[in-house]
């Protein structure tokens, strides 16, 4: 997915300047990495279409600065949202080197939950322990997401990091040193807890009533 963002160099810095930018449908941003960091101004209308698209956060973005014909190849490293508006208030971009592996967080897409025997036939409850994982790969190999098929799972079963099917050229950061002690659970189906009468009876015992010795 090709994403292009146009920006201009920003020289008017500070909170007051950023506030004035946002009043004109623009937003402050920064690009850093190899080379000097550059403060930028970006039109909100260029960013809005991408904010709710998870591919925006796992793709190489072509960042054109000051109308230059050659784009900076960057990734989105941080995004700050306005406290009560839908707009983005600040973006951090990081330059990427096509020849150097990089660390990225990638979303997990779970499929088949509704047809898994542990859910459909056994009434089990699903638990998403992780919704994203950190991967290491070259920029060209960054996956938009990683699919996790749980359609054949039963209650009491779990998916671990070592069970994930990784795209070619992509490895999990947690397992990159061959240490399976970091083989974290990603997803599981467990039997729902049955509430018994004893579990529900949490009230304090009632003391027996002692007859008044003076009462006839």
C-alpha atoms as a PDB file:
ATOM      1  CA  UNK A   1       0.000   0.000   0.000  1.00  0.00           C
ATOM      2  CA  UNK A   2       1.580   3.272  -1.133  1.00  0.00           C
ATOM      3  CA  UNK A   3       1.029   6.168   1.273  1.00  0.00           C
ATOM      4  CA  UNK A   4       2.207   9.677   0.426  1.00  0.00           C
ATOM      5  CA  UNK A   5       2.340  12.628   2.808  1.00  0.00           C
ATOM      6  CA  UNK A   6       3.395  16.159   1.843  1.00  0.00           C
ATOM      7  CA  UNK A   7       4.950  18.434   4.464  1.00  0.00           C
ATOM      8  CA  UNK A   8       6.760  21.741   4.788  1.00  0.00           C
ATOM      9  CA  UNK A   9       9.577  22.651   7.112  1.00  0.00           C
ATOM     10  CA  UNK A  10       8.399  24.403  10.281  1.00  0.00           C
ATOM     11  CA  UNK A  11      10.499  27.165  11.839  1.00  0.00           C
ATOM     12  CA  UNK A  12       7.893  28.651  14.178  1.00  0.00           C
ATOM     13  CA  UNK A  13       8.263  26.305  17.150  1.00  0.00           C
ATOM     14  CA  UNK A  14       6.761  26.106  20.638  1.00  0.00           C
ATOM     15  CA  UNK A  15       3.350  25.319  22.151  1.00  0.00           C
ATOM     16  CA  UNK A  16       1.825  28.597  21.050  1.00  0.00           C
ATOM     17  CA  UNK A  17       2.899  28.055  17.461  1.00  0.00           C
ATOM     18  CA  UNK A  18       1.559  24.506  17.484  1.00  0.00           C
ATOM     19  CA  UNK A  19      -1.763  25.741  18.838  1.00  0.00           C
ATOM     20  CA  UNK A  20      -2.045  28.284  16.032  1.00  0.00           C
ATOM     21  CA  UNK A  21      -1.247  25.586  13.479  1.00  0.00           C
ATOM     22  CA  UNK A  22      -4.098  23.411  14.672  1.00  0.00           C
ATOM     23  CA  UNK A  23      -6.521  26.308  14.340  1.00  0.00           C
ATOM     24  CA  UNK A  24      -5.739  26.383  10.606  1.00  0.00           C
ATOM     25  CA  UNK A  25      -6.401  22.653  10.002  1.00  0.00           C
ATOM     26  CA  UNK A  26      -2.686  21.848  10.168  1.00  0.00           C
ATOM     27  CA  UNK A  27      -0.612  19.869  12.619  1.00  0.00           C
ATOM     28  CA  UNK A  28       3.010  19.774  13.804  1.00  0.00           C
ATOM     29  CA  UNK A  29       5.191  16.743  13.110  1.00  0.00           C
ATOM     30  CA  UNK A  30       8.820  15.697  13.224  1.00  0.00           C
ATOM     31  CA  UNK A  31      11.034  13.343  11.238  1.00  0.00           C
ATOM     32  CA  UNK A  32      14.165  11.890  12.793  1.00  0.00           C
ATOM     33  CA  UNK A  33      16.584   9.017  12.359  1.00  0.00           C
ATOM     34  CA  UNK A  34      19.734   9.053  10.262  1.00  0.00           C
ATOM     35  CA  UNK A  35      20.469  12.712   9.658  1.00  0.00           C
ATOM     36  CA  UNK A  36      19.174  15.787  11.437  1.00  0.00           C
ATOM     37  CA  UNK A  37      15.650  15.929  12.861  1.00  0.00           C
ATOM     38  CA  UNK A  38      13.294  18.239  10.967  1.00  0.00           C
ATOM     39  CA  UNK A  39      10.203  19.915  12.408  1.00  0.00           C
ATOM     40  CA  UNK A  40       7.306  19.814   9.951  1.00  0.00           C
ATOM     41  CA  UNK A  41       3.841  21.160   9.236  1.00  0.00           C
ATOM     42  CA  UNK A  42       1.258  18.820   7.687  1.00  0.00           C
ATOM     43  CA  UNK A  43      -2.280  19.486   6.477  1.00  0.00           C
ATOM     44  CA  UNK A  44      -4.758  17.499   8.582  1.00  0.00           C
ATOM     45  CA  UNK A  45      -6.660  16.485   5.449  1.00  0.00           C
ATOM     46  CA  UNK A  46      -3.701  14.369   4.333  1.00  0.00           C
ATOM     47  CA  UNK A  47      -3.641  12.400   7.557  1.00  0.00           C
ATOM     48  CA  UNK A  48      -7.348  11.888   8.333  1.00  0.00           C
ATOM     49  CA  UNK A  49      -7.937   9.176   5.689  1.00  0.00           C
ATOM     50  CA  UNK A  50      -5.160   7.039   7.171  1.00  0.00           C
ATOM     51  CA  UNK A  51      -5.659   7.369  10.928  1.00  0.00           C
ATOM     52  CA  UNK A  52      -8.102   4.446  11.250  1.00  0.00           C
ATOM     53  CA  UNK A  53      -6.208   2.233   8.796  1.00  0.00           C
ATOM     54  CA  UNK A  54      -3.793  -0.064  10.643  1.00  0.00           C
ATOM     55  CA  UNK A  55      -1.708  -0.363   7.465  1.00  0.00           C
ATOM     56  CA  UNK A  56      -0.671   3.268   8.027  1.00  0.00           C
ATOM     57  CA  UNK A  57       1.280   2.168  11.101  1.00  0.00           C
ATOM     58  CA  UNK A  58       2.978  -0.785   9.391  1.00  0.00           C
ATOM     59  CA  UNK A  59       3.874   0.721   6.029  1.00  0.00           C
ATOM     60  CA  UNK A  60       6.678   2.732   4.523  1.00  0.00           C
ATOM     61  CA  UNK A  61       5.420   6.267   3.976  1.00  0.00           C
ATOM     62  CA  UNK A  62       6.739   8.500   1.181  1.00  0.00           C
ATOM     63  CA  UNK A  63       7.271  11.843   2.923  1.00  0.00           C
ATOM     64  CA  UNK A  64       7.797  14.747   0.513  1.00  0.00           C
ATOM     65  CA  UNK A  65       9.257  17.807   2.258  1.00  0.00           C
ATOM     66  CA  UNK A  66       9.130  21.331   0.803  1.00  0.00           C
ATOM     67  CA  UNK A  67       8.075  20.085  -2.622  1.00  0.00           C
ATOM     68  CA  UNK A  68      11.234  18.057  -3.220  1.00  0.00           C
ATOM     69  CA  UNK A  69      10.916  15.407  -5.927  1.00  0.00           C
ATOM     70  CA  UNK A  70      12.632  12.718  -3.858  1.00  0.00           C
ATOM     71  CA  UNK A  71      10.673  11.408  -0.890  1.00  0.00           C
ATOM     72  CA  UNK A  72      12.039  10.492   2.508  1.00  0.00           C
ATOM     73  CA  UNK A  73      11.209   6.865   3.304  1.00  0.00           C
ATOM     74  CA  UNK A  74       9.725   6.883   6.805  1.00  0.00           C
ATOM     75  CA  UNK A  75       7.504   4.963   9.203  1.00  0.00           C
ATOM     76  CA  UNK A  76       5.073   6.305  11.785  1.00  0.00           C
ATOM     77  CA  UNK A  77       6.708   5.931  15.198  1.00  0.00           C
ATOM     78  CA  UNK A  78       4.262   7.839  17.378  1.00  0.00           C
ATOM     79  CA  UNK A  79       0.897   9.502  16.998  1.00  0.00           C
ATOM     80  CA  UNK A  80      -0.802  11.836  19.450  1.00  0.00           C
ATOM     81  CA  UNK A  81      -4.542  12.474  19.304  1.00  0.00           C
ATOM     82  CA  UNK A  82      -6.382  15.590  20.306  1.00  0.00           C
ATOM     83  CA  UNK A  83      -7.973  15.057  23.769  1.00  0.00           C
ATOM     84  CA  UNK A  84     -11.554  15.614  22.555  1.00  0.00           C
ATOM     85  CA  UNK A  85     -11.419  15.917  18.757  1.00  0.00           C
ATOM     86  CA  UNK A  86     -10.934  13.164  16.195  1.00  0.00           C
ATOM     87  CA  UNK A  87      -7.892  14.875  14.696  1.00  0.00           C
ATOM     88  CA  UNK A  88      -4.254  13.974  15.252  1.00  0.00           C
ATOM     89  CA  UNK A  89      -2.334  16.582  17.230  1.00  0.00           C
ATOM     90  CA  UNK A  90       1.229  15.412  16.447  1.00  0.00           C
ATOM     91  CA  UNK A  91       3.063  12.806  14.366  1.00  0.00           C
ATOM     92  CA  UNK A  92       6.558  11.357  14.744  1.00  0.00           C
ATOM     93  CA  UNK A  93       8.189   9.857  11.652  1.00  0.00           C
ATOM     94  CA  UNK A  94      11.400   7.846  11.615  1.00  0.00           C
ATOM     95  CA  UNK A  95      13.607   7.525   8.556  1.00  0.00           C
ATOM     96  CA  UNK A  96      14.310   3.981   7.442  1.00  0.00           C
ATOM     97  CA  UNK A  97      17.299   2.390   5.757  1.00  0.00           C
ATOM     98  CA  UNK A  98      16.253  -0.158   3.129  1.00  0.00           C
ATOM     99  CA  UNK A  99      19.287  -2.307   3.956  1.00  0.00           C
ATOM    100  CA  UNK A 100      18.940  -2.364   7.757  1.00  0.00           C
ATOM    101  CA  UNK A 101      16.552  -4.608   9.730  1.00  0.00           C
ATOM    102  CA  UNK A 102      14.173  -2.704  11.969  1.00  0.00           C
ATOM    103  CA  UNK A 103      11.846  -3.378  14.894  1.00  0.00           C
ATOM    104  CA  UNK A 104       8.118  -2.853  14.351  1.00  0.00           C
ATOM    105  CA  UNK A 105       4.925  -3.646  16.251  1.00  0.00           C
ATOM    106  CA  UNK A 106       2.469  -5.503  14.033  1.00  0.00           C
ATOM    107  CA  UNK A 107      -1.202  -6.261  14.733  1.00  0.00           C
ATOM    108  CA  UNK A 108      -2.496  -9.822  15.065  1.00  0.00           C
ATOM    109  CA  UNK A 109      -5.653 -10.804  13.162  1.00  0.00           C
ATOM    110  CA  UNK A 110      -7.491 -13.739  14.741  1.00  0.00           C
ATOM    111  CA  UNK A 111      -9.742 -15.758  12.441  1.00  0.00           C
ATOM    112  CA  UNK A 112     -12.119 -18.639  13.161  1.00  0.00           C
ATOM    113  CA  UNK A 113     -13.020 -17.777  16.757  1.00  0.00           C
ATOM    114  CA  UNK A 114     -16.746 -18.216  16.096  1.00  0.00           C
ATOM    115  CA  UNK A 115     -16.331 -21.698  14.588  1.00  0.00           C
ATOM    116  CA  UNK A 116     -13.663 -23.061  16.939  1.00  0.00           C
ATOM    117  CA  UNK A 117     -14.967 -26.256  18.628  1.00  0.00           C
ATOM    118  CA  UNK A 118     -13.907 -24.892  22.002  1.00  0.00           C
ATOM    119  CA  UNK A 119     -16.282 -21.958  21.531  1.00  0.00           C
ATOM    120  CA  UNK A 120     -19.095 -23.250  19.325  1.00  0.00           C
ATOM    121  CA  UNK A 121     -19.488 -26.732  20.834  1.00  0.00           C
ATOM    122  CA  UNK A 122     -17.915 -26.518  24.272  1.00  0.00           C
ATOM    123  CA  UNK A 123     -18.961 -23.011  25.305  1.00  0.00           C
ATOM    124  CA  UNK A 124     -15.418 -21.900  26.058  1.00  0.00           C
ATOM    125  CA  UNK A 125     -14.335 -18.300  26.508  1.00  0.00           C
ATOM    126  CA  UNK A 126     -11.587 -16.756  24.395  1.00  0.00           C
ATOM    127  CA  UNK A 127      -8.731 -14.714  25.812  1.00  0.00           C
ATOM    128  CA  UNK A 128      -6.624 -12.388  23.649  1.00  0.00           C
ATOM    129  CA  UNK A 129      -3.427 -12.171  25.659  1.00  0.00           C
ATOM    130  CA  UNK A 130      -1.604 -10.274  22.892  1.00  0.00           C
ATOM    131  CA  UNK A 131      -3.088  -8.159  20.106  1.00  0.00           C
ATOM    132  CA  UNK A 132       0.245  -7.188  18.551  1.00  0.00           C
ATOM    133  CA  UNK A 133       3.797  -8.498  18.440  1.00  0.00           C
ATOM    134  CA  UNK A 134       7.196  -6.927  17.869  1.00  0.00           C
ATOM    135  CA  UNK A 135       8.917  -8.162  14.730  1.00  0.00           C
ATOM    136  CA  UNK A 136      12.345  -7.681  13.158  1.00  0.00           C
ATOM    137  CA  UNK A 137      12.641  -7.383   9.385  1.00  0.00           C
ATOM    138  CA  UNK A 138      13.833  -5.244   6.506  1.00  0.00           C
ATOM    139  CA  UNK A 139      11.543  -2.316   5.673  1.00  0.00           C
ATOM    140  CA  UNK A 140      10.351  -4.014   2.480  1.00  0.00           C
ATOM    141  CA  UNK A 141       9.184  -7.054   4.450  1.00  0.00           C
ATOM    142  CA  UNK A 142       7.057  -5.289   7.097  1.00  0.00           C
ATOM    143  CA  UNK A 143       3.748  -7.208   7.201  1.00  0.00           C
ATOM    144  CA  UNK A 144       0.496  -5.257   7.405  1.00  0.00           C
ATOM    145  CA  UNK A 145      -0.684  -7.804   9.967  1.00  0.00           C
ATOM    146  CA  UNK A 146      -0.078 -11.399  11.073  1.00  0.00           C
ATOM    147  CA  UNK A 147      -2.956 -13.840  10.741  1.00  0.00           C
ATOM    148  CA  UNK A 148      -3.667 -16.333  13.530  1.00  0.00           C
ATOM    149  CA  UNK A 149      -6.040 -19.189  12.636  1.00  0.00           C
ATOM    150  CA  UNK A 150      -7.782 -20.481  15.778  1.00  0.00           C
ATOM    151  CA  UNK A 151     -10.663 -22.286  14.007  1.00  0.00           C
ATOM    152  CA  UNK A 152      -9.594 -25.778  15.150  1.00  0.00           C
ATOM    153  CA  UNK A 153      -8.956 -25.010  18.822  1.00  0.00           C
ATOM    154  CA  UNK A 154     -10.638 -26.710  21.784  1.00  0.00           C
ATOM    155  CA  UNK A 155     -11.045 -25.547  25.357  1.00  0.00           C
ATOM    156  CA  UNK A 156      -7.853 -25.731  27.361  1.00  0.00           C
ATOM    157  CA  UNK A 157      -5.707 -25.055  24.299  1.00  0.00           C
ATOM    158  CA  UNK A 158      -3.532 -22.023  23.628  1.00  0.00           C
ATOM    159  CA  UNK A 159      -1.508 -20.395  20.861  1.00  0.00           C
ATOM    160  CA  UNK A 160       2.049 -19.368  21.763  1.00  0.00           C
ATOM    161  CA  UNK A 161       4.533 -17.163  19.936  1.00  0.00           C
ATOM    162  CA  UNK A 162       6.269 -20.226  18.502  1.00  0.00           C
ATOM    163  CA  UNK A 163       2.954 -21.287  16.918  1.00  0.00           C
ATOM    164  CA  UNK A 164       2.642 -18.130  14.821  1.00  0.00           C
ATOM    165  CA  UNK A 165       3.271 -18.492  11.095  1.00  0.00           C
ATOM    166  CA  UNK A 166       5.625 -15.655  10.207  1.00  0.00           C
ATOM    167  CA  UNK A 167       5.992 -14.212   6.693  1.00  0.00           C
ATOM    168  CA  UNK A 168       9.262 -14.763   4.883  1.00  0.00           C
ATOM    169  CA  UNK A 169      12.030 -12.507   6.152  1.00  0.00           C
ATOM    170  CA  UNK A 170      10.196 -11.671   9.385  1.00  0.00           C
ATOM    171  CA  UNK A 171      11.098 -12.917  12.873  1.00  0.00           C
ATOM    172  CA  UNK A 172       9.688 -12.301  16.311  1.00  0.00           C
ATOM    173  CA  UNK A 173      11.837 -10.071  18.487  1.00  0.00           C
ATOM    174  CA  UNK A 174      10.987 -12.073  21.609  1.00  0.00           C
ATOM    175  CA  UNK A 175      12.366 -15.260  20.038  1.00  0.00           C
ATOM    176  CA  UNK A 176      15.225 -13.727  18.048  1.00  0.00           C
ATOM    177  CA  UNK A 177      17.879 -15.111  20.416  1.00  0.00           C
ATOM    178  CA  UNK A 178      16.473 -18.644  20.397  1.00  0.00           C
ATOM    179  CA  UNK A 179      15.287 -18.367  24.003  1.00  0.00           C
ATOM    180  CA  UNK A 180      11.936 -20.150  24.223  1.00  0.00           C
ATOM    181  CA  UNK A 181      11.480 -18.994  27.812  1.00  0.00           C
ATOM    182  CA  UNK A 182       9.926 -15.944  26.142  1.00  0.00           C
ATOM    183  CA  UNK A 183       7.398 -18.118  24.309  1.00  0.00           C
ATOM    184  CA  UNK A 184       4.442 -16.078  25.564  1.00  0.00           C
ATOM    185  CA  UNK A 185       0.826 -17.184  25.254  1.00  0.00           C
ATOM    186  CA  UNK A 186      -0.934 -15.221  22.526  1.00  0.00           C
ATOM    187  CA  UNK A 187      -4.469 -16.623  22.624  1.00  0.00           C
ATOM    188  CA  UNK A 188      -6.364 -19.250  24.583  1.00  0.00           C
ATOM    189  CA  UNK A 189      -9.801 -20.819  25.019  1.00  0.00           C
ATOM    190  CA  UNK A 190     -10.707 -21.713  28.558  1.00  0.00           C
ATOM    191  CA  UNK A 191     -13.659 -23.308  30.312  1.00  0.00           C
ATOM    192  CA  UNK A 192     -15.893 -20.686  31.931  1.00  0.00           C
ATOM    193  CA  UNK A 193     -15.939 -20.743  35.711  1.00  0.00           C
ATOM    194  CA  UNK A 194     -19.078 -22.315  37.140  1.00  0.00           C
ATOM    195  CA  UNK A 195     -20.551 -20.299  39.994  1.00  0.00           C
ATOM    196  CA  UNK A 196     -21.875 -22.543  42.776  1.00  0.00           C
ATOM    197  CA  UNK A 197     -24.222 -21.754  45.624  1.00  0.00           C
ATOM    198  CA  UNK A 198     -21.214 -21.736  47.952  1.00  0.00           C
ATOM    199  CA  UNK A 199     -19.486 -19.118  45.759  1.00  0.00           C
ATOM    200  CA  UNK A 200     -22.582 -16.914  45.862  1.00  0.00           C
ATOM    201  CA  UNK A 201     -23.057 -17.226  49.645  1.00  0.00           C
ATOM    202  CA  UNK A 202     -20.503 -14.683  50.771  1.00  0.00           C
ATOM    203  CA  UNK A 203     -22.562 -13.171  53.583  1.00  0.00           C
ATOM    204  CA  UNK A 204     -21.389 -13.433  57.187  1.00  0.00           C
ATOM    205  CA  UNK A 205     -23.014 -16.203  59.262  1.00  0.00           C
ATOM    206  CA  UNK A 206     -26.028 -15.071  61.244  1.00  0.00           C
ATOM    207  CA  UNK A 207     -25.661 -15.522  64.988  1.00  0.00           C
ATOM    208  CA  UNK A 208     -28.417 -17.613  66.605  1.00  0.00           C
ATOM    209  CA  UNK A 209     -31.035 -15.685  68.572  1.00  0.00           C
ATOM    210  CA  UNK A 210     -30.782 -16.346  72.292  1.00  0.00           C
ATOM    211  CA  UNK A 211     -34.134 -16.177  74.142  1.00  0.00           C
ATOM    212  CA  UNK A 212     -34.350 -13.472  76.745  1.00  0.00           C
ATOM    213  CA  UNK A 213     -34.197 -15.161  80.125  1.00  0.00           C
ATOM    214  CA  UNK A 214     -36.696 -12.653  81.529  1.00  0.00           C
ATOM    215  CA  UNK A 215     -39.228 -13.257  78.778  1.00  0.00           C
ATOM    216  CA  UNK A 216     -42.148 -15.570  79.741  1.00  0.00           C
END
